[in-house]
Amino acid sequence: MTYPGHYTYPVVYEKDEVGNQGMYFPDFPGTAIIPSDFLDGVKRAKEMLASRILELEENEQELPKPSDPASLELSTDECLYYIDVYMPPYRNEDANKAVTKNCTLPRWLRDAAEEAGLNFSQLLQSAIKEALDITKDSKH
């Protein structure tokens, strides 16, 4: 069975008058988290979404279709956001294993970069992730 590389699902963020926060995926029952703050919630929601998707894929179960936002009834203390997850790194245990890729650049640029002590591998990885709109963590 072939699965897409990206998935995007709605997540509901709730914060009560006391400041307690929570997030859950309406399309995946039982996927609730209690984050320390919103950014922590986004990170943890992404990890949870990837984990649930992997579980369904591994069991060859059909994934739910993302809910239509108009069909979701939210309370006044809830907001709807979307979480996008790039799945190949989660699917492949060897995805973070280092591989060699040759790169061609002008000698003067190589010399200047070496003189500045730049790390070619890190720069290339950062540039590729930026071009693909993949965040800092390789699984995102």
N, C-alpha and C. Protein backbone atom coordinates (compact mmCIF):
# COMPACT_ATOMS: atom_id res chain seq x y z
N MET A 1 0.84 -1.17 0.00
CA MET A 1 0.00 0.00 0.00
C MET A 1 0.89 1.25 0.00
N THR A 2 0.58 2.22 -0.81
CA THR A 2 1.36 3.45 -0.90
C THR A 2 0.66 4.56 -0.14
N TYR A 3 1.43 5.31 0.63
CA TYR A 3 0.87 6.40 1.42
C TYR A 3 1.52 7.71 1.02
N PRO A 4 0.80 8.80 1.19
CA PRO A 4 1.36 10.12 0.85
C PRO A 4 2.54 10.49 1.76
N GLY A 5 3.34 11.42 1.30
CA GLY A 5 4.47 11.89 2.09
C GLY A 5 4.06 12.90 3.16
N HIS A 6 3.05 13.70 2.86
CA HIS A 6 2.57 14.71 3.80
C HIS A 6 1.12 14.44 4.20
N TYR A 7 0.82 14.74 5.42
CA TYR A 7 -0.56 14.71 5.90
C TYR A 7 -0.80 16.03 6.63
N THR A 8 -2.00 16.54 6.50
CA THR A 8 -2.40 17.74 7.22
C THR A 8 -3.75 17.47 7.86
N TYR A 9 -3.81 17.64 9.17
CA TYR A 9 -5.04 17.41 9.92
C TYR A 9 -5.32 18.58 10.85
N PRO A 10 -6.61 18.83 11.09
CA PRO A 10 -6.96 19.88 12.05
C PRO A 10 -6.70 19.40 13.48
N VAL A 11 -6.27 20.33 14.29
CA VAL A 11 -6.09 20.08 15.72
C VAL A 11 -6.83 21.19 16.46
N VAL A 12 -7.50 20.84 17.52
CA VAL A 12 -8.22 21.82 18.32
C VAL A 12 -7.35 22.18 19.52
N TYR A 13 -7.15 23.48 19.68
CA TYR A 13 -6.39 24.01 20.83
C TYR A 13 -7.40 24.66 21.76
N GLU A 14 -7.31 24.31 23.02
CA GLU A 14 -8.23 24.90 24.00
C GLU A 14 -7.44 25.45 25.18
N LYS A 15 -7.91 26.58 25.67
CA LYS A 15 -7.29 27.21 26.84
C LYS A 15 -8.41 27.80 27.68
N ASP A 16 -8.50 27.34 28.93
CA ASP A 16 -9.58 27.84 29.77
C ASP A 16 -9.19 29.13 30.48
N GLU A 17 -10.12 29.67 31.23
CA GLU A 17 -9.91 30.96 31.90
C GLU A 17 -8.78 30.93 32.93
N VAL A 18 -8.44 29.76 33.43
CA VAL A 18 -7.35 29.62 34.40
C VAL A 18 -6.00 29.49 33.71
N GLY A 19 -6.00 29.19 32.41
CA GLY A 19 -4.76 29.03 31.66
C GLY A 19 -4.41 27.60 31.33
N ASN A 20 -5.23 26.63 31.76
CA ASN A 20 -4.99 25.24 31.40
C ASN A 20 -5.16 25.08 29.89
N GLN A 21 -4.25 24.32 29.28
CA GLN A 21 -4.26 24.15 27.84
C GLN A 21 -4.37 22.69 27.46
N GLY A 22 -4.90 22.46 26.28
CA GLY A 22 -4.99 21.11 25.75
C GLY A 22 -5.11 21.16 24.24
N MET A 23 -4.77 20.07 23.60
CA MET A 23 -4.91 19.94 22.15
C MET A 23 -5.38 18.53 21.85
N TYR A 24 -6.24 18.42 20.83
CA TYR A 24 -6.69 17.10 20.40
C TYR A 24 -7.03 17.13 18.92
N PHE A 25 -6.91 15.95 18.30
CA PHE A 25 -7.24 15.77 16.88
C PHE A 25 -8.65 15.19 16.79
N PRO A 26 -9.60 15.93 16.24
CA PRO A 26 -10.97 15.41 16.13
C PRO A 26 -11.06 14.14 15.28
N ASP A 27 -10.14 13.97 14.35
CA ASP A 27 -10.18 12.81 13.45
C ASP A 27 -9.51 11.57 14.03
N PHE A 28 -8.83 11.72 15.16
CA PHE A 28 -8.14 10.61 15.80
C PHE A 28 -8.56 10.56 17.27
N PRO A 29 -9.64 9.86 17.59
CA PRO A 29 -10.08 9.79 18.99
C PRO A 29 -8.96 9.30 19.91
N GLY A 30 -8.89 9.90 21.07
CA GLY A 30 -7.89 9.51 22.06
C GLY A 30 -6.55 10.18 21.89
N THR A 31 -6.45 11.13 20.98
CA THR A 31 -5.17 11.82 20.76
C THR A 31 -5.22 13.20 21.40
N ALA A 32 -5.08 13.23 22.68
CA ALA A 32 -5.10 14.50 23.41
C ALA A 32 -3.77 14.70 24.12
N ILE A 33 -3.33 15.94 24.17
CA ILE A 33 -2.11 16.28 24.89
C ILE A 33 -2.36 17.50 25.76
N ILE A 34 -1.59 17.61 26.80
CA ILE A 34 -1.65 18.78 27.68
C ILE A 34 -0.27 19.43 27.62
N PRO A 35 -0.12 20.44 26.78
CA PRO A 35 1.19 21.07 26.59
C PRO A 35 1.51 22.09 27.68
N SER A 36 2.79 22.41 27.79
CA SER A 36 3.20 23.45 28.73
C SER A 36 2.90 24.83 28.17
N ASP A 37 2.93 24.96 26.84
CA ASP A 37 2.56 26.20 26.15
C ASP A 37 2.18 25.84 24.72
N PHE A 38 1.75 26.83 23.96
CA PHE A 38 1.26 26.57 22.62
C PHE A 38 2.32 25.93 21.72
N LEU A 39 3.54 26.47 21.73
CA LEU A 39 4.60 25.92 20.86
C LEU A 39 4.95 24.49 21.23
N ASP A 40 4.99 24.21 22.52
CA ASP A 40 5.21 22.83 22.97
C ASP A 40 4.08 21.95 22.45
N GLY A 41 2.87 22.48 22.48
CA GLY A 41 1.71 21.74 21.99
C GLY A 41 1.82 21.40 20.52
N VAL A 42 2.25 22.36 19.71
CA VAL A 42 2.40 22.13 18.28
C VAL A 42 3.42 21.02 18.03
N LYS A 43 4.54 21.09 18.72
CA LYS A 43 5.59 20.07 18.55
C LYS A 43 5.08 18.69 18.96
N ARG A 44 4.44 18.63 20.11
CA ARG A 44 3.95 17.34 20.60
C ARG A 44 2.78 16.83 19.77
N ALA A 45 1.96 17.74 19.27
CA ALA A 45 0.84 17.33 18.41
C ALA A 45 1.37 16.71 17.12
N LYS A 46 2.42 17.30 16.59
CA LYS A 46 3.02 16.76 15.36
C LYS A 46 3.56 15.35 15.60
N GLU A 47 4.25 15.16 16.71
CA GLU A 47 4.78 13.83 17.06
C GLU A 47 3.65 12.83 17.24
N MET A 48 2.59 13.25 17.92
CA MET A 48 1.46 12.36 18.16
C MET A 48 0.77 12.00 16.85
N LEU A 49 0.58 12.99 15.99
CA LEU A 49 -0.05 12.74 14.70
C LEU A 49 0.77 11.74 13.88
N ALA A 50 2.07 11.95 13.83
CA ALA A 50 2.93 11.03 13.08
C ALA A 50 2.85 9.61 13.66
N SER A 51 2.82 9.51 14.96
CA SER A 51 2.74 8.20 15.62
C SER A 51 1.43 7.49 15.29
N ARG A 52 0.33 8.22 15.34
CA ARG A 52 -0.98 7.62 15.03
C ARG A 52 -1.06 7.21 13.56
N ILE A 53 -0.54 8.06 12.67
CA ILE A 53 -0.55 7.73 11.24
C ILE A 53 0.28 6.47 11.00
N LEU A 54 1.47 6.41 11.60
CA LEU A 54 2.32 5.21 11.45
C LEU A 54 1.61 3.96 11.94
N GLU A 55 0.96 4.07 13.07
CA GLU A 55 0.23 2.93 13.63
C GLU A 55 -0.82 2.42 12.65
N LEU A 56 -1.59 3.33 12.07
CA LEU A 56 -2.62 2.93 11.11
C LEU A 56 -2.00 2.37 9.83
N GLU A 57 -0.94 3.00 9.36
CA GLU A 57 -0.26 2.51 8.15
C GLU A 57 0.29 1.10 8.37
N GLU A 58 0.96 0.90 9.50
CA GLU A 58 1.56 -0.41 9.79
C GLU A 58 0.51 -1.50 9.91
N ASN A 59 -0.69 -1.14 10.37
CA ASN A 59 -1.78 -2.11 10.47
C ASN A 59 -2.64 -2.14 9.21
N GLU A 60 -2.17 -1.42 8.19
CA GLU A 60 -2.86 -1.34 6.90
C GLU A 60 -4.32 -0.94 7.06
N GLN A 61 -4.55 -0.02 7.98
CA GLN A 61 -5.89 0.52 8.19
C GLN A 61 -6.03 1.84 7.43
N GLU A 62 -7.24 2.13 7.05
CA GLU A 62 -7.50 3.36 6.32
C GLU A 62 -7.41 4.56 7.27
N LEU A 63 -6.75 5.59 6.81
CA LEU A 63 -6.65 6.81 7.61
C LEU A 63 -7.91 7.64 7.43
N PRO A 64 -8.32 8.33 8.49
CA PRO A 64 -9.52 9.17 8.35
C PRO A 64 -9.23 10.35 7.43
N LYS A 65 -10.26 10.80 6.76
CA LYS A 65 -10.13 12.02 5.96
C LYS A 65 -10.14 13.20 6.92
N PRO A 66 -9.33 14.22 6.67
CA PRO A 66 -9.35 15.39 7.54
C PRO A 66 -10.74 16.02 7.58
N SER A 67 -11.17 16.38 8.76
CA SER A 67 -12.48 17.00 8.93
C SER A 67 -12.58 18.32 8.18
N ASP A 68 -13.76 18.58 7.67
CA ASP A 68 -14.07 19.89 7.10
C ASP A 68 -14.22 20.85 8.27
N PRO A 69 -13.50 21.98 8.28
CA PRO A 69 -13.57 22.89 9.42
C PRO A 69 -15.00 23.36 9.72
N ALA A 70 -15.83 23.47 8.70
CA ALA A 70 -17.21 23.92 8.90
C ALA A 70 -18.03 22.89 9.67
N SER A 71 -17.58 21.63 9.66
CA SER A 71 -18.33 20.58 10.35
C SER A 71 -17.96 20.45 11.82
N LEU A 72 -16.94 21.14 12.25
CA LEU A 72 -16.48 21.04 13.64
C LEU A 72 -17.13 22.13 14.49
N GLU A 73 -17.73 21.70 15.58
CA GLU A 73 -18.34 22.66 16.50
C GLU A 73 -17.35 22.93 17.63
N LEU A 74 -16.91 24.16 17.72
CA LEU A 74 -15.93 24.55 18.73
C LEU A 74 -16.59 25.42 19.78
N SER A 75 -16.12 25.28 21.02
CA SER A 75 -16.60 26.16 22.08
C SER A 75 -15.84 27.48 22.01
N THR A 76 -16.24 28.43 22.82
CA THR A 76 -15.62 29.77 22.77
C THR A 76 -14.16 29.76 23.20
N ASP A 77 -13.74 28.74 23.96
CA ASP A 77 -12.34 28.69 24.39
C ASP A 77 -11.49 27.76 23.51
N GLU A 78 -12.00 27.40 22.34
CA GLU A 78 -11.27 26.52 21.43
C GLU A 78 -10.98 27.23 20.11
N CYS A 79 -9.82 26.90 19.53
CA CYS A 79 -9.41 27.42 18.22
C CYS A 79 -8.96 26.24 17.37
N LEU A 80 -9.14 26.36 16.07
CA LEU A 80 -8.75 25.30 15.16
C LEU A 80 -7.45 25.69 14.46
N TYR A 81 -6.50 24.78 14.46
CA TYR A 81 -5.23 24.95 13.76
C TYR A 81 -5.02 23.71 12.90
N TYR A 82 -4.01 23.77 12.05
CA TYR A 82 -3.68 22.61 11.22
C TYR A 82 -2.25 22.19 11.49
N ILE A 83 -2.05 20.89 11.58
CA ILE A 83 -0.73 20.32 11.78
C ILE A 83 -0.38 19.53 10.52
N ASP A 84 0.79 19.84 9.96
CA ASP A 84 1.29 19.16 8.78
C ASP A 84 2.47 18.30 9.22
N VAL A 85 2.47 17.06 8.78
CA VAL A 85 3.57 16.17 9.15
C VAL A 85 4.12 15.52 7.88
N TYR A 86 5.45 15.54 7.77
CA TYR A 86 6.18 14.93 6.67
C TYR A 86 6.61 13.54 7.14
N MET A 87 6.05 12.50 6.54
CA MET A 87 6.16 11.15 7.08
C MET A 87 7.41 10.34 6.74
N PRO A 88 8.10 10.54 5.62
CA PRO A 88 9.23 9.64 5.31
C PRO A 88 10.24 9.44 6.44
N PRO A 89 10.65 10.47 7.17
CA PRO A 89 11.61 10.20 8.26
C PRO A 89 11.04 9.31 9.36
N TYR A 90 9.73 9.37 9.58
CA TYR A 90 9.12 8.53 10.60
C TYR A 90 9.00 7.08 10.12
N ARG A 91 8.82 6.91 8.83
CA ARG A 91 8.63 5.57 8.27
C ARG A 91 9.94 4.80 8.14
N ASN A 92 11.02 5.48 7.97
CA ASN A 92 12.28 4.85 7.65
C ASN A 92 13.25 4.99 8.82
N GLU A 93 13.53 3.89 9.48
CA GLU A 93 14.43 3.93 10.64
C GLU A 93 15.81 4.46 10.28
N ASP A 94 16.23 4.24 9.05
CA ASP A 94 17.54 4.68 8.61
C ASP A 94 17.52 6.09 8.02
N ALA A 95 16.41 6.78 8.13
CA ALA A 95 16.27 8.08 7.47
C ALA A 95 17.30 9.10 7.94
N ASN A 96 17.74 9.01 9.18
CA ASN A 96 18.70 9.98 9.69
C ASN A 96 20.15 9.51 9.59
N LYS A 97 20.34 8.35 8.98
CA LYS A 97 21.69 7.85 8.77
C LYS A 97 22.38 8.75 7.75
N ALA A 98 23.60 9.14 8.05
CA ALA A 98 24.34 10.04 7.16
C ALA A 98 24.70 9.33 5.86
N VAL A 99 24.53 10.04 4.76
CA VAL A 99 24.92 9.55 3.44
C VAL A 99 25.82 10.59 2.79
N THR A 100 26.62 10.15 1.85
CA THR A 100 27.53 11.06 1.16
C THR A 100 26.89 11.55 -0.13
N LYS A 101 26.98 12.85 -0.35
CA LYS A 101 26.49 13.46 -1.58
C LYS A 101 27.54 14.46 -2.03
N ASN A 102 28.09 14.26 -3.23
CA ASN A 102 29.09 15.19 -3.74
C ASN A 102 28.42 16.48 -4.19
N CYS A 103 29.15 17.56 -4.03
CA CYS A 103 28.64 18.88 -4.39
C CYS A 103 29.74 19.63 -5.15
N THR A 104 29.36 20.29 -6.22
CA THR A 104 30.33 21.04 -7.02
C THR A 104 30.12 22.53 -6.77
N LEU A 105 31.22 23.24 -6.50
CA LEU A 105 31.16 24.68 -6.30
C LEU A 105 32.48 25.29 -6.74
N PRO A 106 32.50 26.58 -7.00
CA PRO A 106 33.75 27.22 -7.43
C PRO A 106 34.83 27.09 -6.35
N ARG A 107 36.07 26.94 -6.80
CA ARG A 107 37.19 26.78 -5.88
C ARG A 107 37.28 27.95 -4.91
N TRP A 108 37.11 29.18 -5.41
CA TRP A 108 37.23 30.35 -4.54
C TRP A 108 36.20 30.31 -3.41
N LEU A 109 34.99 29.77 -3.71
CA LEU A 109 33.95 29.67 -2.69
C LEU A 109 34.31 28.60 -1.67
N ARG A 110 34.82 27.48 -2.15
CA ARG A 110 35.27 26.42 -1.25
C ARG A 110 36.36 26.93 -0.32
N ASP A 111 37.35 27.63 -0.92
CA ASP A 111 38.48 28.14 -0.13
C ASP A 111 38.01 29.14 0.92
N ALA A 112 37.12 30.03 0.54
CA ALA A 112 36.61 31.03 1.48
C ALA A 112 35.82 30.37 2.61
N ALA A 113 35.03 29.36 2.26
CA ALA A 113 34.25 28.65 3.27
C ALA A 113 35.15 27.88 4.23
N GLU A 114 36.17 27.22 3.70
CA GLU A 114 37.10 26.49 4.55
C GLU A 114 37.86 27.44 5.46
N GLU A 115 38.27 28.59 4.91
CA GLU A 115 38.99 29.58 5.71
C GLU A 115 38.12 30.11 6.85
N ALA A 116 36.82 30.21 6.58
CA ALA A 116 35.89 30.68 7.60
C ALA A 116 35.49 29.58 8.58
N GLY A 117 35.94 28.35 8.31
CA GLY A 117 35.62 27.24 9.20
C GLY A 117 34.18 26.75 9.10
N LEU A 118 33.56 26.96 7.95
CA LEU A 118 32.17 26.55 7.77
C LEU A 118 32.07 25.03 7.63
N ASN A 119 30.97 24.49 8.12
CA ASN A 119 30.70 23.06 8.02
C ASN A 119 29.82 22.85 6.78
N PHE A 120 30.40 22.29 5.73
CA PHE A 120 29.70 22.11 4.45
C PHE A 120 28.45 21.25 4.62
N SER A 121 28.55 20.18 5.36
CA SER A 121 27.42 19.27 5.53
C SER A 121 26.24 19.96 6.21
N GLN A 122 26.53 20.69 7.28
CA GLN A 122 25.45 21.39 7.99
C GLN A 122 24.81 22.45 7.11
N LEU A 123 25.62 23.20 6.37
CA LEU A 123 25.08 24.23 5.49
C LEU A 123 24.20 23.64 4.39
N LEU A 124 24.64 22.56 3.79
CA LEU A 124 23.87 21.92 2.73
C LEU A 124 22.55 21.37 3.29
N GLN A 125 22.61 20.72 4.44
CA GLN A 125 21.39 20.21 5.07
C GLN A 125 20.41 21.34 5.37
N SER A 126 20.92 22.42 5.95
CA SER A 126 20.06 23.56 6.28
C SER A 126 19.41 24.15 5.04
N ALA A 127 20.19 24.31 3.98
CA ALA A 127 19.66 24.89 2.74
C ALA A 127 18.60 23.99 2.11
N ILE A 128 18.83 22.69 2.12
CA ILE A 128 17.86 21.76 1.54
C ILE A 128 16.58 21.75 2.36
N LYS A 129 16.71 21.72 3.69
CA LYS A 129 15.52 21.75 4.55
C LYS A 129 14.72 23.03 4.33
N GLU A 130 15.42 24.14 4.20
CA GLU A 130 14.75 25.42 3.96
C GLU A 130 14.02 25.38 2.62
N ALA A 131 14.66 24.86 1.59
CA ALA A 131 14.05 24.78 0.26
C ALA A 131 12.81 23.88 0.27
N LEU A 132 12.82 22.86 1.11
CA LEU A 132 11.69 21.93 1.20
C LEU A 132 10.69 22.32 2.28
N ASP A 133 10.96 23.42 2.97
CA ASP A 133 10.10 23.91 4.05
C ASP A 133 9.94 22.86 5.16
N ILE A 134 11.08 22.24 5.50
CA ILE A 134 11.13 21.28 6.60
C ILE A 134 11.76 22.00 7.78
N THR A 135 11.13 21.90 8.94
CA THR A 135 11.63 22.63 10.09
C THR A 135 12.90 22.01 10.65
N LYS A 136 13.43 22.65 11.69
CA LYS A 136 14.73 22.30 12.27
C LYS A 136 14.88 20.80 12.54
N ASP A 137 13.91 20.21 13.21
CA ASP A 137 13.97 18.78 13.52
C ASP A 137 13.73 18.00 12.23
N SER A 138 14.57 17.05 11.92
CA SER A 138 14.50 16.33 10.64
C SER A 138 13.21 15.55 10.46
N LYS A 139 12.45 15.33 11.51
CA LYS A 139 11.19 14.61 11.36
C LYS A 139 10.03 15.56 11.10
N HIS A 140 10.30 16.84 10.99
CA HIS A 140 9.21 17.81 10.81
C HIS A 140 9.31 18.48 9.49
